[in-house]
Protein backbone atom coordinates (compact mmCIF):
# COMPACT_ATOMS: atom_id res chain seq x y z
CA MET A 1 18.48 8.10 18.28
CA ARG A 2 15.02 7.80 19.73
CA LYS A 3 11.75 6.61 18.25
CA THR A 4 8.97 9.10 17.75
CA ARG A 5 5.71 7.93 19.30
CA GLU A 6 3.51 8.91 16.37
CA TYR A 7 4.47 10.30 12.97
CA ASP A 8 2.18 11.41 10.14
CA ALA A 9 3.89 10.03 7.02
CA THR A 10 1.24 11.32 4.59
CA VAL A 11 3.72 13.56 2.76
CA GLU A 12 6.26 10.75 2.27
CA MET A 13 3.68 8.11 1.36
CA GLY A 14 1.20 10.11 -0.72
CA LEU A 15 -1.59 8.51 1.33
CA PRO A 16 -2.78 9.15 4.90
CA VAL A 17 -0.39 6.88 6.82
CA THR A 18 0.53 7.19 10.49
CA LEU A 19 3.63 5.43 11.82
CA LEU A 20 3.54 4.39 15.47
CA ASP A 21 6.77 4.01 17.50
CA THR A 22 8.69 3.55 14.24
CA VAL A 23 10.38 6.73 13.01
CA LEU A 24 13.86 7.40 14.38
CA GLU A 25 14.87 10.94 15.32
CA ASP A 26 18.43 12.04 16.04
CA ASP A 27 19.53 14.83 18.39
CA GLU A 28 19.30 17.39 15.56
CA GLY A 29 15.69 16.52 14.70
CA ASN A 30 16.49 14.56 11.54
CA LEU A 31 13.99 11.78 10.92
CA GLU A 32 14.59 8.33 9.46
CA ILE A 33 11.97 5.79 8.46
CA PRO A 34 13.60 2.35 8.80
CA ASN A 35 13.35 0.06 5.76
CA LEU A 36 11.23 2.40 3.67
CA ASP A 37 10.96 -0.15 0.82
CA MET A 38 9.31 -2.64 3.18
CA LEU A 39 6.96 0.05 4.47
CA LEU A 40 5.90 1.03 0.93
CA ALA A 41 5.18 -2.61 0.07
CA SER A 42 3.36 -3.21 3.37
CA VAL A 43 1.09 -0.20 2.86
CA ALA A 44 0.31 -1.35 -0.69
CA VAL A 45 -0.44 -4.93 0.33
CA ALA A 46 -2.54 -3.90 3.33
CA ARG A 47 -4.55 -1.52 1.14
CA VAL A 48 -5.35 -4.07 -1.56
CA LEU A 49 -6.47 -6.54 1.12
CA THR A 50 -9.01 -4.00 2.41
CA PRO A 51 -12.25 -4.71 0.52
CA VAL A 52 -13.17 -1.09 -0.12
CA GLN A 53 -13.14 0.43 -3.62
CA MET A 54 -9.92 2.34 -4.34
CA VAL A 55 -9.74 6.02 -5.25
CA GLY A 56 -7.30 7.73 -7.61
CA ALA A 57 -4.61 8.60 -5.04
CA GLU A 58 -4.47 4.96 -3.91
CA LEU A 59 -4.14 3.67 -7.48
CA ARG A 60 -1.40 6.24 -8.16
CA TYR A 61 0.40 5.09 -5.00
CA LEU A 62 0.24 1.44 -6.08
CA ARG A 63 1.60 2.28 -9.53
CA HIS A 64 4.47 4.30 -8.03
CA VAL A 65 5.38 1.52 -5.60
CA LEU A 66 5.64 -0.81 -8.60
CA HIS A 67 7.87 1.80 -10.33
CA LEU A 68 5.65 1.77 -13.42
CA THR A 69 4.56 4.52 -15.79
CA GLY A 70 0.88 4.79 -16.58
CA ALA A 71 1.41 2.96 -19.88
CA GLU A 72 3.44 0.21 -18.20
CA PHE A 73 0.76 -0.18 -15.54
CA ALA A 74 -1.91 -0.43 -18.26
CA ASP A 75 0.17 -3.13 -19.99
CA ALA A 76 0.61 -5.02 -16.70
CA ILE A 77 -3.16 -5.33 -16.32
CA ASP A 78 -3.75 -5.83 -20.05
CA LEU A 79 -5.55 -2.57 -20.83
CA SER A 80 -5.63 -1.51 -24.46
CA ASP A 81 -6.54 2.12 -23.64
CA LYS A 82 -3.45 3.44 -21.80
CA SER A 83 -5.09 6.79 -20.99
CA VAL A 84 -7.63 5.17 -18.67
CA VAL A 85 -5.00 4.89 -15.91
CA SER A 86 -4.70 8.68 -15.83
CA ARG A 87 -8.48 9.03 -15.63
CA TRP A 88 -8.59 6.60 -12.68
CA GLU A 89 -5.77 8.36 -10.86
CA ASN A 90 -7.45 11.74 -11.29
CA ASP A 91 -10.85 10.38 -10.19
CA LYS A 92 -12.38 11.10 -13.61
CA ALA A 93 -13.37 7.43 -13.95
CA ARG A 94 -13.43 4.34 -11.73
CA ALA A 95 -11.95 0.93 -12.37
CA GLY A 96 -14.63 -1.75 -12.59
CA GLY A 97 -14.81 -4.50 -9.97
CA TYR A 98 -13.09 -7.13 -12.10
CA THR A 99 -10.32 -4.72 -13.15
CA GLU A 100 -9.80 -3.65 -9.56
CA LYS A 101 -9.38 -7.31 -8.56
CA ILE A 102 -6.76 -7.71 -11.32
CA ILE A 103 -4.89 -4.69 -9.91
CA ARG A 104 -5.11 -6.08 -6.38
CA GLN A 105 -3.79 -9.47 -7.46
CA LEU A 106 -0.94 -7.81 -9.36
CA ILE A 107 0.09 -6.00 -6.17
CA LEU A 108 0.00 -9.19 -4.11
CA ASN A 109 2.03 -11.06 -6.74
CA LYS A 110 4.68 -8.33 -7.04
CA LEU A 111 4.88 -7.00 -3.47
CA GLY A 112 3.53 -9.71 -1.15
CA GLU A 113 6.95 -11.14 -0.27
CA ARG A 114 8.30 -7.66 0.49
CA ALA A 115 5.60 -7.20 3.16
CA PRO A 116 6.25 -10.05 5.63
CA GLY A 117 4.23 -8.43 8.41
CA ILE A 118 0.98 -8.47 6.42
CA GLU A 119 -0.86 -11.78 6.43
CA ILE A 120 -2.18 -12.66 2.98
CA PRO A 121 -5.01 -15.20 3.11
CA ASP A 122 -5.23 -17.85 0.40
CA ASN A 123 -7.45 -16.72 -2.48
CA ALA A 124 -7.89 -13.33 -0.80
CA ILE A 125 -8.75 -11.45 -3.98
CA PRO A 126 -10.99 -13.81 -6.02
CA GLY A 127 -13.54 -14.13 -3.22
CA MET A 128 -13.37 -10.49 -2.14
CA LYS A 129 -16.57 -8.46 -2.10
CA ILE A 130 -15.41 -4.89 -2.76
CA ARG A 131 -17.53 -2.27 -1.00
CA ARG A 132 -18.33 0.77 -3.17
CA ARG A 133 -17.53 4.23 -1.89
CA ASP A 134 -17.72 7.82 -2.99
CA VAL A 135 -14.59 9.46 -4.42
CA SER A 136 -15.08 12.36 -1.99
CA GLU A 137 -14.18 10.02 0.90
CA GLY A 138 -10.56 10.10 -0.29
CA PRO A 139 -7.88 7.52 0.55
CA LEU A 140 -8.35 5.29 3.58
CA PRO A 141 -6.22 6.33 6.57
CA MET A 142 -3.89 3.58 7.79
CA ALA A 143 -1.48 3.13 10.70
CA PHE A 144 1.61 0.90 10.88
CA SER A 145 4.17 -0.08 13.46
CA LEU A 146 7.50 -1.84 13.15
CA GLU A 147 7.39 -5.21 14.90
CA ARG A 148 9.83 -8.05 15.50
CA ARG A 149 8.48 -11.39 14.26
CA SER A 150 9.79 -14.88 13.60
CA GLY A 151 10.56 -15.59 9.97
CA SER A 152 9.72 -18.81 8.13
CA GLU A 153 13.15 -20.24 8.95
CA GLY A 154 13.04 -19.32 12.64
CA GLN A 155 15.09 -16.14 12.24
CA SER A 156 13.96 -12.90 13.85
CA LEU A 157 13.02 -10.07 11.50
CA ASP A 158 11.62 -6.57 11.73
CA CYS A 159 8.52 -5.99 9.64
CA TYR A 160 5.73 -3.48 9.31
CA ALA A 161 2.27 -4.50 10.50
CA GLU A 162 -1.00 -2.62 10.57
CA ALA A 163 -1.63 -1.08 13.96
CA ALA A 164 -4.94 -1.95 15.58
């Protein structure tokens, strides 16, 4: 097996994500993304820590990573109108700033520990100033690499980190 230098994982992720020196390819051209669950969580956590308003595809991605239906997602953020999640995901409506912060905090609470390569500052979401953007801009492109880091107990672990 060898690592591919750069791999466009947009199809697998549902968002524009590039993997750098991460994807393994065997002699027959079969590809493997190591620890996909950690990658999914890392992409979600990195995205919610980026203070730019989210578009529908990003919200859909976050919901899928949490393994929630639209109604379950609405319940998780205490929405009475369950259909609003569909409108957000299809860019027919936008989540308000406060609601978007609730979604971001939910992601950090549920997925933060599964993304050890993403540094989560204390009180990252409450003080965040979310920059507005046009829906036509689409999802933010991101790049990740698999790195070896020291864990909290001194052990060595592989984790996904945003590439510079």
